[in-house]
PDB file of N, CA and C in Angstrom:
ATOM      1  N   MET A   1       0.849  -1.183   0.000  1.00  0.00           N
ATOM      2  CA  MET A   1       0.000   0.000   0.000  1.00  0.00           C
ATOM      3  C   MET A   1       0.886   1.236   0.000  1.00  0.00           C
ATOM      4  N   SER A   2       0.456   2.264  -0.693  1.00  0.00           N
ATOM      5  CA  SER A   2       1.227   3.505  -0.744  1.00  0.00           C
ATOM      6  C   SER A   2       0.333   4.682  -0.369  1.00  0.00           C
ATOM      7  N   VAL A   3       0.959   5.760   0.024  1.00  0.00           N
ATOM      8  CA  VAL A   3       0.245   6.980   0.370  1.00  0.00           C
ATOM      9  C   VAL A   3       0.262   7.891  -0.850  1.00  0.00           C
ATOM     10  N   THR A   4      -0.904   8.354  -1.250  1.00  0.00           N
ATOM     11  CA  THR A   4      -1.002   9.256  -2.399  1.00  0.00           C
ATOM     12  C   THR A   4      -0.768  10.694  -1.939  1.00  0.00           C
ATOM     13  N   LYS A   5      -0.549  11.571  -2.898  1.00  0.00           N
ATOM     14  CA  LYS A   5      -0.356  12.987  -2.586  1.00  0.00           C
ATOM     15  C   LYS A   5      -1.601  13.542  -1.886  1.00  0.00           C
ATOM     16  N   LYS A   6      -2.763  13.135  -2.338  1.00  0.00           N
ATOM     17  CA  LYS A   6      -4.020  13.591  -1.729  1.00  0.00           C
ATOM     18  C   LYS A   6      -4.097  13.171  -0.269  1.00  0.00           C
ATOM     19  N   GLU A   7      -3.724  11.923   0.007  1.00  0.00           N
ATOM     20  CA  GLU A   7      -3.753  11.424   1.390  1.00  0.00           C
ATOM     21  C   GLU A   7      -2.732  12.162   2.257  1.00  0.00           C
ATOM     22  N   LEU A   8      -1.582  12.479   1.681  1.00  0.00           N
ATOM     23  CA  LEU A   8      -0.563  13.232   2.407  1.00  0.00           C
ATOM     24  C   LEU A   8      -1.082  14.625   2.760  1.00  0.00           C
ATOM     25  N   ILE A   9      -1.749  15.264   1.818  1.00  0.00           N
ATOM     26  CA  ILE A   9      -2.321  16.594   2.052  1.00  0.00           C
ATOM     27  C   ILE A   9      -3.357  16.536   3.172  1.00  0.00           C
ATOM     28  N   GLU A  10      -4.201  15.510   3.154  1.00  0.00           N
ATOM     29  CA  GLU A  10      -5.218  15.355   4.200  1.00  0.00           C
ATOM     30  C   GLU A  10      -4.574  15.121   5.566  1.00  0.00           C
ATOM     31  N   LEU A  11      -3.496  14.344   5.600  1.00  0.00           N
ATOM     32  CA  LEU A  11      -2.788  14.068   6.849  1.00  0.00           C
ATOM     33  C   LEU A  11      -2.162  15.346   7.404  1.00  0.00           C
ATOM     34  N   VAL A  12      -1.530  16.142   6.542  1.00  0.00           N
ATOM     35  CA  VAL A  12      -0.925  17.404   6.968  1.00  0.00           C
ATOM     36  C   VAL A  12      -2.007  18.339   7.491  1.00  0.00           C
ATOM     37  N   ALA A  13      -3.138  18.395   6.809  1.00  0.00           N
ATOM     38  CA  ALA A  13      -4.246  19.266   7.240  1.00  0.00           C
ATOM     39  C   ALA A  13      -4.730  18.874   8.626  1.00  0.00           C
ATOM     40  N   LYS A  14      -4.871  17.578   8.842  1.00  0.00           N
ATOM     41  CA  LYS A  14      -5.371  17.083  10.124  1.00  0.00           C
ATOM     42  C   LYS A  14      -4.359  17.321  11.248  1.00  0.00           C
ATOM     43  N   LYS A  15      -3.099  16.952  11.016  1.00  0.00           N
ATOM     44  CA  LYS A  15      -2.068  17.045  12.063  1.00  0.00           C
ATOM     45  C   LYS A  15      -1.681  18.490  12.383  1.00  0.00           C
ATOM     46  N   ALA A  16      -1.692  19.365  11.371  1.00  0.00           N
ATOM     47  CA  ALA A  16      -1.276  20.760  11.568  1.00  0.00           C
ATOM     48  C   ALA A  16      -2.469  21.687  11.793  1.00  0.00           C
ATOM     49  N   ASN A  17      -3.662  21.111  11.859  1.00  0.00           N
ATOM     50  CA  ASN A  17      -4.886  21.882  12.059  1.00  0.00           C
ATOM     51  C   ASN A  17      -5.033  22.981  11.005  1.00  0.00           C
ATOM     52  N   LEU A  18      -4.876  22.572   9.740  1.00  0.00           N
ATOM     53  CA  LEU A  18      -5.001  23.478   8.603  1.00  0.00           C
ATOM     54  C   LEU A  18      -6.210  23.069   7.760  1.00  0.00           C
ATOM     55  N   THR A  19      -6.649  23.983   6.908  1.00  0.00           N
ATOM     56  CA  THR A  19      -7.666  23.609   5.933  1.00  0.00           C
ATOM     57  C   THR A  19      -6.990  22.765   4.858  1.00  0.00           C
ATOM     58  N   ASN A  20      -7.787  22.008   4.119  1.00  0.00           N
ATOM     59  CA  ASN A  20      -7.210  21.214   3.029  1.00  0.00           C
ATOM     60  C   ASN A  20      -6.549  22.109   1.994  1.00  0.00           C
ATOM     61  N   LYS A  21      -7.119  23.283   1.751  1.00  0.00           N
ATOM     62  CA  LYS A  21      -6.549  24.217   0.773  1.00  0.00           C
ATOM     63  C   LYS A  21      -5.172  24.703   1.232  1.00  0.00           C
ATOM     64  N   ALA A  22      -5.067  25.090   2.505  1.00  0.00           N
ATOM     65  CA  ALA A  22      -3.792  25.574   3.046  1.00  0.00           C
ATOM     66  C   ALA A  22      -2.765  24.439   3.069  1.00  0.00           C
ATOM     67  N   SER A  23      -3.216  23.251   3.418  1.00  0.00           N
ATOM     68  CA  SER A  23      -2.326  22.096   3.452  1.00  0.00           C
ATOM     69  C   SER A  23      -1.829  21.746   2.054  1.00  0.00           C
ATOM     70  N   LYS A  24      -2.716  21.838   1.071  1.00  0.00           N
ATOM     71  CA  LYS A  24      -2.340  21.549  -0.310  1.00  0.00           C
ATOM     72  C   LYS A  24      -1.265  22.524  -0.774  1.00  0.00           C
ATOM     73  N   GLU A  25      -1.438  23.803  -0.450  1.00  0.00           N
ATOM     74  CA  GLU A  25      -0.465  24.821  -0.847  1.00  0.00           C
ATOM     75  C   GLU A  25       0.874  24.603  -0.140  1.00  0.00           C
ATOM     76  N   ALA A  26       0.838  24.287   1.153  1.00  0.00           N
ATOM     77  CA  ALA A  26       2.074  24.058   1.912  1.00  0.00           C
ATOM     78  C   ALA A  26       2.827  22.852   1.366  1.00  0.00           C
ATOM     79  N   THR A  27       2.107  21.787   1.062  1.00  0.00           N
ATOM     80  CA  THR A  27       2.733  20.583   0.518  1.00  0.00           C
ATOM     81  C   THR A  27       3.321  20.868  -0.856  1.00  0.00           C
ATOM     82  N   LYS A  28       2.588  21.627  -1.668  1.00  0.00           N
ATOM     83  CA  LYS A  28       3.062  21.995  -3.008  1.00  0.00           C
ATOM     84  C   LYS A  28       4.355  22.812  -2.920  1.00  0.00           C
ATOM     85  N   VAL A  29       4.392  23.796  -2.030  1.00  0.00           N
ATOM     86  CA  VAL A  29       5.578  24.639  -1.865  1.00  0.00           C
ATOM     87  C   VAL A  29       6.760  23.797  -1.380  1.00  0.00           C
ATOM     88  N   PHE A  30       6.520  22.892  -0.458  1.00  0.00           N
ATOM     89  CA  PHE A  30       7.575  22.029   0.082  1.00  0.00           C
ATOM     90  C   PHE A  30       8.177  21.141  -1.021  1.00  0.00           C
ATOM     91  N   LEU A  31       7.318  20.460  -1.761  1.00  0.00           N
ATOM     92  CA  LEU A  31       7.799  19.572  -2.820  1.00  0.00           C
ATOM     93  C   LEU A  31       8.475  20.345  -3.947  1.00  0.00           C
ATOM     94  N   ASN A  32       7.938  21.508  -4.309  1.00  0.00           N
ATOM     95  CA  ASN A  32       8.559  22.341  -5.341  1.00  0.00           C
ATOM     96  C   ASN A  32       9.914  22.865  -4.880  1.00  0.00           C
ATOM     97  N   GLY A  33      10.050  23.137  -3.588  1.00  0.00           N
ATOM     98  CA  GLY A  33      11.327  23.587  -3.041  1.00  0.00           C
ATOM     99  C   GLY A  33      12.394  22.523  -3.191  1.00  0.00           C
ATOM    100  N   ILE A  34      12.032  21.276  -2.919  1.00  0.00           N
ATOM    101  CA  ILE A  34      12.972  20.167  -3.092  1.00  0.00           C
ATOM    102  C   ILE A  34      13.335  20.036  -4.573  1.00  0.00           C
ATOM    103  N   ARG A  35      12.332  20.045  -5.436  1.00  0.00           N
ATOM    104  CA  ARG A  35      12.572  19.922  -6.872  1.00  0.00           C
ATOM    105  C   ARG A  35      13.479  21.026  -7.399  1.00  0.00           C
ATOM    106  N   ASP A  36      13.186  22.263  -7.021  1.00  0.00           N
ATOM    107  CA  ASP A  36      13.962  23.397  -7.509  1.00  0.00           C
ATOM    108  C   ASP A  36      15.406  23.353  -7.018  1.00  0.00           C
ATOM    109  N   SER A  37      15.613  22.936  -5.785  1.00  0.00           N
ATOM    110  CA  SER A  37      16.973  22.811  -5.256  1.00  0.00           C
ATOM    111  C   SER A  37      17.750  21.762  -6.031  1.00  0.00           C
ATOM    112  N   LEU A  38      17.115  20.637  -6.332  1.00  0.00           N
ATOM    113  CA  LEU A  38      17.784  19.589  -7.102  1.00  0.00           C
ATOM    114  C   LEU A  38      18.089  20.071  -8.518  1.00  0.00           C
ATOM    115  N   LYS A  39      17.178  20.837  -9.113  1.00  0.00           N
ATOM    116  CA  LYS A  39      17.418  21.376 -10.455  1.00  0.00           C
ATOM    117  C   LYS A  39      18.637  22.282 -10.476  1.00  0.00           C
ATOM    118  N   ARG A  40      18.896  22.990  -9.362  1.00  0.00           N
ATOM    119  CA  ARG A  40      20.067  23.855  -9.264  1.00  0.00           C
ATOM    120  C   ARG A  40      21.322  23.070  -8.878  1.00  0.00           C
ATOM    121  N   GLY A  41      21.191  21.770  -8.691  1.00  0.00           N
ATOM    122  CA  GLY A  41      22.340  20.935  -8.341  1.00  0.00           C
ATOM    123  C   GLY A  41      22.653  20.929  -6.859  1.00  0.00           C
ATOM    124  N   GLU A  42      21.726  21.419  -6.040  1.00  0.00           N
ATOM    125  CA  GLU A  42      21.931  21.475  -4.598  1.00  0.00           C
ATOM    126  C   GLU A  42      21.414  20.208  -3.928  1.00  0.00           C
ATOM    127  N   LYS A  43      21.973  19.906  -2.785  1.00  0.00           N
ATOM    128  CA  LYS A  43      21.545  18.780  -1.972  1.00  0.00           C
ATOM    129  C   LYS A  43      20.522  19.293  -0.960  1.00  0.00           C
ATOM    130  N   VAL A  44      19.485  18.514  -0.659  1.00  0.00           N
ATOM    131  CA  VAL A  44      18.482  18.894   0.333  1.00  0.00           C
ATOM    132  C   VAL A  44      18.607  17.924   1.500  1.00  0.00           C
ATOM    133  N   VAL A  45      19.001  18.459   2.665  1.00  0.00           N
ATOM    134  CA  VAL A  45      19.215  17.634   3.853  1.00  0.00           C
ATOM    135  C   VAL A  45      18.104  17.931   4.850  1.00  0.00           C
ATOM    136  N   LEU A  46      17.320  16.915   5.190  1.00  0.00           N
ATOM    137  CA  LEU A  46      16.281  17.020   6.207  1.00  0.00           C
ATOM    138  C   LEU A  46      16.758  16.173   7.390  1.00  0.00           C
ATOM    139  N   THR A  47      17.361  16.825   8.360  1.00  0.00           N
ATOM    140  CA  THR A  47      17.969  16.136   9.488  1.00  0.00           C
ATOM    141  C   THR A  47      16.955  15.216  10.161  1.00  0.00           C
ATOM    142  N   GLY A  48      17.360  13.972  10.361  1.00  0.00           N
ATOM    143  CA  GLY A  48      16.500  12.980  10.983  1.00  0.00           C
ATOM    144  C   GLY A  48      15.612  12.244   9.983  1.00  0.00           C
ATOM    145  N   PHE A  49      15.516  12.768   8.765  1.00  0.00           N
ATOM    146  CA  PHE A  49      14.688  12.113   7.752  1.00  0.00           C
ATOM    147  C   PHE A  49      15.539  11.536   6.637  1.00  0.00           C
ATOM    148  N   GLY A  50      16.308  12.405   5.962  1.00  0.00           N
ATOM    149  CA  GLY A  50      17.146  11.907   4.880  1.00  0.00           C
ATOM    150  C   GLY A  50      17.655  13.027   4.000  1.00  0.00           C
ATOM    151  N   THR A  51      18.341  12.622   2.925  1.00  0.00           N
ATOM    152  CA  THR A  51      18.966  13.569   2.014  1.00  0.00           C
ATOM    153  C   THR A  51      18.546  13.284   0.579  1.00  0.00           C
ATOM    154  N   PHE A  52      18.080  14.322  -0.096  1.00  0.00           N
ATOM    155  CA  PHE A  52      17.780  14.248  -1.516  1.00  0.00           C
ATOM    156  C   PHE A  52      18.982  14.822  -2.255  1.00  0.00           C
ATOM    157  N   SER A  53      19.447  14.135  -3.293  1.00  0.00           N
ATOM    158  CA  SER A  53      20.598  14.613  -4.043  1.00  0.00           C
ATOM    159  C   SER A  53      20.516  14.128  -5.480  1.00  0.00           C
ATOM    160  N   LEU A  54      21.389  14.679  -6.325  1.00  0.00           N
ATOM    161  CA  LEU A  54      21.473  14.239  -7.707  1.00  0.00           C
ATOM    162  C   LEU A  54      22.559  13.173  -7.817  1.00  0.00           C
ATOM    163  N   ARG A  55      22.290  12.181  -8.616  1.00  0.00           N
ATOM    164  CA  ARG A  55      23.259  11.128  -8.874  1.00  0.00           C
ATOM    165  C   ARG A  55      23.550  11.105 -10.365  1.00  0.00           C
ATOM    166  N   ALA A  56      24.828  11.141 -10.685  1.00  0.00           N
ATOM    167  CA  ALA A  56      25.235  11.134 -12.090  1.00  0.00           C
ATOM    168  C   ALA A  56      25.164   9.717 -12.633  1.00  0.00           C
ATOM    169  N   ARG A  57      24.448   9.542 -13.715  1.00  0.00           N
ATOM    170  CA  ARG A  57      24.364   8.264 -14.400  1.00  0.00           C
ATOM    171  C   ARG A  57      25.278   8.315 -15.606  1.00  0.00           C
ATOM    172  N   LYS A  58      26.167   7.350 -15.760  1.00  0.00           N
ATOM    173  CA  LYS A  58      27.084   7.318 -16.890  1.00  0.00           C
ATOM    174  C   LYS A  58      26.373   6.830 -18.147  1.00  0.00           C
ATOM    175  N   GLN A  59      26.951   7.174 -19.275  1.00  0.00           N
ATOM    176  CA  GLN A  59      26.449   6.659 -20.554  1.00  0.00           C
ATOM    177  C   GLN A  59      26.655   5.148 -20.556  1.00  0.00           C
ATOM    178  N   ARG A  60      25.685   4.424 -21.091  1.00  0.00           N
ATOM    179  CA  ARG A  60      25.807   2.963 -21.096  1.00  0.00           C
ATOM    180  C   ARG A  60      25.139   2.364 -22.321  1.00  0.00           C
ATOM    181  N   LYS A  61      25.466   1.125 -22.582  1.00  0.00           N
ATOM    182  CA  LYS A  61      24.873   0.404 -23.703  1.00  0.00           C
ATOM    183  C   LYS A  61      23.557  -0.209 -23.247  1.00  0.00           C
ATOM    184  N   GLY A  62      22.606  -0.244 -24.155  1.00  0.00           N
ATOM    185  CA  GLY A  62      21.321  -0.858 -23.884  1.00  0.00           C
ATOM    186  C   GLY A  62      20.821  -1.561 -25.128  1.00  0.00           C
ATOM    187  N   ARG A  63      19.601  -2.074 -25.022  1.00  0.00           N
ATOM    188  CA  ARG A  63      19.024  -2.784 -26.143  1.00  0.00           C
ATOM    189  C   ARG A  63      17.559  -2.390 -26.255  1.00  0.00           C
ATOM    190  N   ASN A  64      17.124  -2.085 -27.483  1.00  0.00           N
ATOM    191  CA  ASN A  64      15.725  -1.774 -27.732  1.00  0.00           C
ATOM    192  C   ASN A  64      14.940  -3.077 -27.574  1.00  0.00           C
ATOM    193  N   PRO A  65      14.000  -3.142 -26.630  1.00  0.00           N
ATOM    194  CA  PRO A  65      13.288  -4.393 -26.393  1.00  0.00           C
ATOM    195  C   PRO A  65      12.400  -4.840 -27.569  1.00  0.00           C
ATOM    196  N   LYS A  66      11.944  -3.904 -28.384  1.00  0.00           N
ATOM    197  CA  LYS A  66      11.096  -4.277 -29.518  1.00  0.00           C
ATOM    198  C   LYS A  66      11.900  -4.890 -30.659  1.00  0.00           C
ATOM    199  N   THR A  67      13.033  -4.237 -30.981  1.00  0.00           N
ATOM    200  CA  THR A  67      13.787  -4.670 -32.160  1.00  0.00           C
ATOM    201  C   THR A  67      15.035  -5.472 -31.813  1.00  0.00           C
ATOM    202  N   GLY A  68      15.493  -5.381 -30.571  1.00  0.00           N
ATOM    203  CA  GLY A  68      16.720  -6.062 -30.187  1.00  0.00           C
ATOM    204  C   GLY A  68      17.962  -5.295 -30.603  1.00  0.00           C
ATOM    205  N   GLU A  69      17.776  -4.132 -31.212  1.00  0.00           N
ATOM    206  CA  GLU A  69      18.879  -3.307 -31.701  1.00  0.00           C
ATOM    207  C   GLU A  69      19.652  -2.713 -30.518  1.00  0.00           C
ATOM    208  N   ALA A  70      20.991  -2.719 -30.606  1.00  0.00           N
ATOM    209  CA  ALA A  70      21.834  -2.118 -29.578  1.00  0.00           C
ATOM    210  C   ALA A  70      21.726  -0.603 -29.671  1.00  0.00           C
ATOM    211  N   ILE A  71      21.574   0.048 -28.510  1.00  0.00           N
ATOM    212  CA  ILE A  71      21.493   1.503 -28.467  1.00  0.00           C
ATOM    213  C   ILE A  71      22.412   2.022 -27.372  1.00  0.00           C
ATOM    214  N   THR A  72      22.708   3.306 -27.441  1.00  0.00           N
ATOM    215  CA  THR A  72      23.491   3.951 -26.394  1.00  0.00           C
ATOM    216  C   THR A  72      22.552   4.816 -25.574  1.00  0.00           C
ATOM    217  N   ILE A  73      22.520   4.587 -24.271  1.00  0.00           N
ATOM    218  CA  ILE A  73      21.691   5.376 -23.371  1.00  0.00           C
ATOM    219  C   ILE A  73      22.569   6.526 -22.880  1.00  0.00           C
ATOM    220  N   PRO A  74      22.165   7.771 -23.113  1.00  0.00           N
ATOM    221  CA  PRO A  74      23.019   8.914 -22.776  1.00  0.00           C
ATOM    222  C   PRO A  74      23.181   9.101 -21.265  1.00  0.00           C
ATOM    223  N   ALA A  75      24.259   9.787 -20.882  1.00  0.00           N
ATOM    224  CA  ALA A  75      24.499  10.126 -19.479  1.00  0.00           C
ATOM    225  C   ALA A  75      23.438  11.127 -19.033  1.00  0.00           C
ATOM    226  N   ARG A  76      23.091  11.072 -17.757  1.00  0.00           N
ATOM    227  CA  ARG A  76      22.102  12.009 -17.226  1.00  0.00           C
ATOM    228  C   ARG A  76      22.205  12.055 -15.710  1.00  0.00           C
ATOM    229  N   ASN A  77      21.545  13.018 -15.131  1.00  0.00           N
ATOM    230  CA  ASN A  77      21.441  13.102 -13.681  1.00  0.00           C
ATOM    231  C   ASN A  77      20.095  12.533 -13.263  1.00  0.00           C
ATOM    232  N   ALA A  78      20.085  11.820 -12.148  1.00  0.00           N
ATOM    233  CA  ALA A  78      18.853  11.249 -11.627  1.00  0.00           C
ATOM    234  C   ALA A  78      18.727  11.624 -10.154  1.00  0.00           C
ATOM    235  N   PRO A  79      17.510  11.943  -9.698  1.00  0.00           N
ATOM    236  CA  PRO A  79      17.344  12.251  -8.282  1.00  0.00           C
ATOM    237  C   PRO A  79      17.517  10.995  -7.438  1.00  0.00           C
ATOM    238  N   GLY A  80      18.071  11.189  -6.253  1.00  0.00           N
ATOM    239  CA  GLY A  80      18.260  10.065  -5.345  1.00  0.00           C
ATOM    240  C   GLY A  80      17.896  10.461  -3.931  1.00  0.00           C
ATOM    241  N   PHE A  81      17.620   9.475  -3.104  1.00  0.00           N
ATOM    242  CA  PHE A  81      17.279   9.718  -1.701  1.00  0.00           C
ATOM    243  C   PHE A  81      18.056   8.746  -0.841  1.00  0.00           C
ATOM    244  N   THR A  82      18.691   9.279   0.195  1.00  0.00           N
ATOM    245  CA  THR A  82      19.388   8.451   1.169  1.00  0.00           C
ATOM    246  C   THR A  82      18.698   8.673   2.505  1.00  0.00           C
ATOM    247  N   PRO A  83      18.107   7.623   3.078  1.00  0.00           N
ATOM    248  CA  PRO A  83      17.408   7.799   4.354  1.00  0.00           C
ATOM    249  C   PRO A  83      18.376   8.110   5.484  1.00  0.00           C
ATOM    250  N   GLY A  84      17.907   8.912   6.447  1.00  0.00           N
ATOM    251  CA  GLY A  84      18.694   9.253   7.623  1.00  0.00           C
ATOM    252  C   GLY A  84      18.632   8.147   8.660  1.00  0.00           C
ATOM    253  N   LYS A  85      19.477   8.252   9.652  1.00  0.00           N
ATOM    254  CA  LYS A  85      19.568   7.232  10.691  1.00  0.00           C
ATOM    255  C   LYS A  85      18.232   7.056  11.431  1.00  0.00           C
ATOM    256  N   SER A  86      17.564   8.172  11.760  1.00  0.00           N
ATOM    257  CA  SER A  86      16.294   8.090  12.485  1.00  0.00           C
ATOM    258  C   SER A  86      15.222   7.389  11.666  1.00  0.00           C
ATOM    259  N   LEU A  87      15.163   7.685  10.369  1.00  0.00           N
ATOM    260  CA  LEU A  87      14.170   7.059   9.497  1.00  0.00           C
ATOM    261  C   LEU A  87      14.432   5.561   9.375  1.00  0.00           C
ATOM    262  N   LYS A  88      15.698   5.202   9.194  1.00  0.00           N
ATOM    263  CA  LYS A  88      16.045   3.777   9.096  1.00  0.00           C
ATOM    264  C   LYS A  88      15.626   3.038  10.361  1.00  0.00           C
ATOM    265  N   LYS A  89      15.917   3.650  11.502  1.00  0.00           N
ATOM    266  CA  LYS A  89      15.594   3.023  12.790  1.00  0.00           C
ATOM    267  C   LYS A  89      14.070   2.897  12.988  1.00  0.00           C
ATOM    268  N   ALA A  90      13.329   3.899  12.534  1.00  0.00           N
ATOM    269  CA  ALA A  90      11.880   3.908  12.708  1.00  0.00           C
ATOM    270  C   ALA A  90      11.162   2.835  11.892  1.00  0.00           C
ATOM    271  N   VAL A  91      11.700   2.493  10.724  1.00  0.00           N
ATOM    272  CA  VAL A  91      11.001   1.546   9.854  1.00  0.00           C
ATOM    273  C   VAL A  91      11.487   0.097   9.997  1.00  0.00           C
ATOM    274  N   ARG A  92      12.426  -0.136  10.863  1.00  0.00           N
ATOM    275  CA  ARG A  92      12.909  -1.518  11.073  1.00  0.00           C
ATOM    276  C   ARG A  92      11.858  -2.395  11.671  1.00  0.00           C
TER     277      ARG A  92
END
C-alpha cells in the first residue's frame, strides 16, 4: 500500500490543524522547493529524515526491447534519496 499525494495533504491538514486548501499549498511549496533545489544541483538535507541529491548516471549500452537493436543510453542526472539514521531506525 502507498500513500497518495491527496492522502498526504489530508494528513498534513489534520495534524497541523489546517484547511485542506492551506495544506495543499504548503505541501506543493515544500515539494517544489525540493525539486527546484535539485534542479540547481543542490543537496536537500532534512535532518533525521534523509537527504535528496542528484546522482550522475554514466552513458551505457542498452538494447531496444522491440527490435533487439543495440542503443546507447546517454548520461544524465537522476534524483536520489538516502534515508537518515532516524528514518532507518523507525522503519525496522
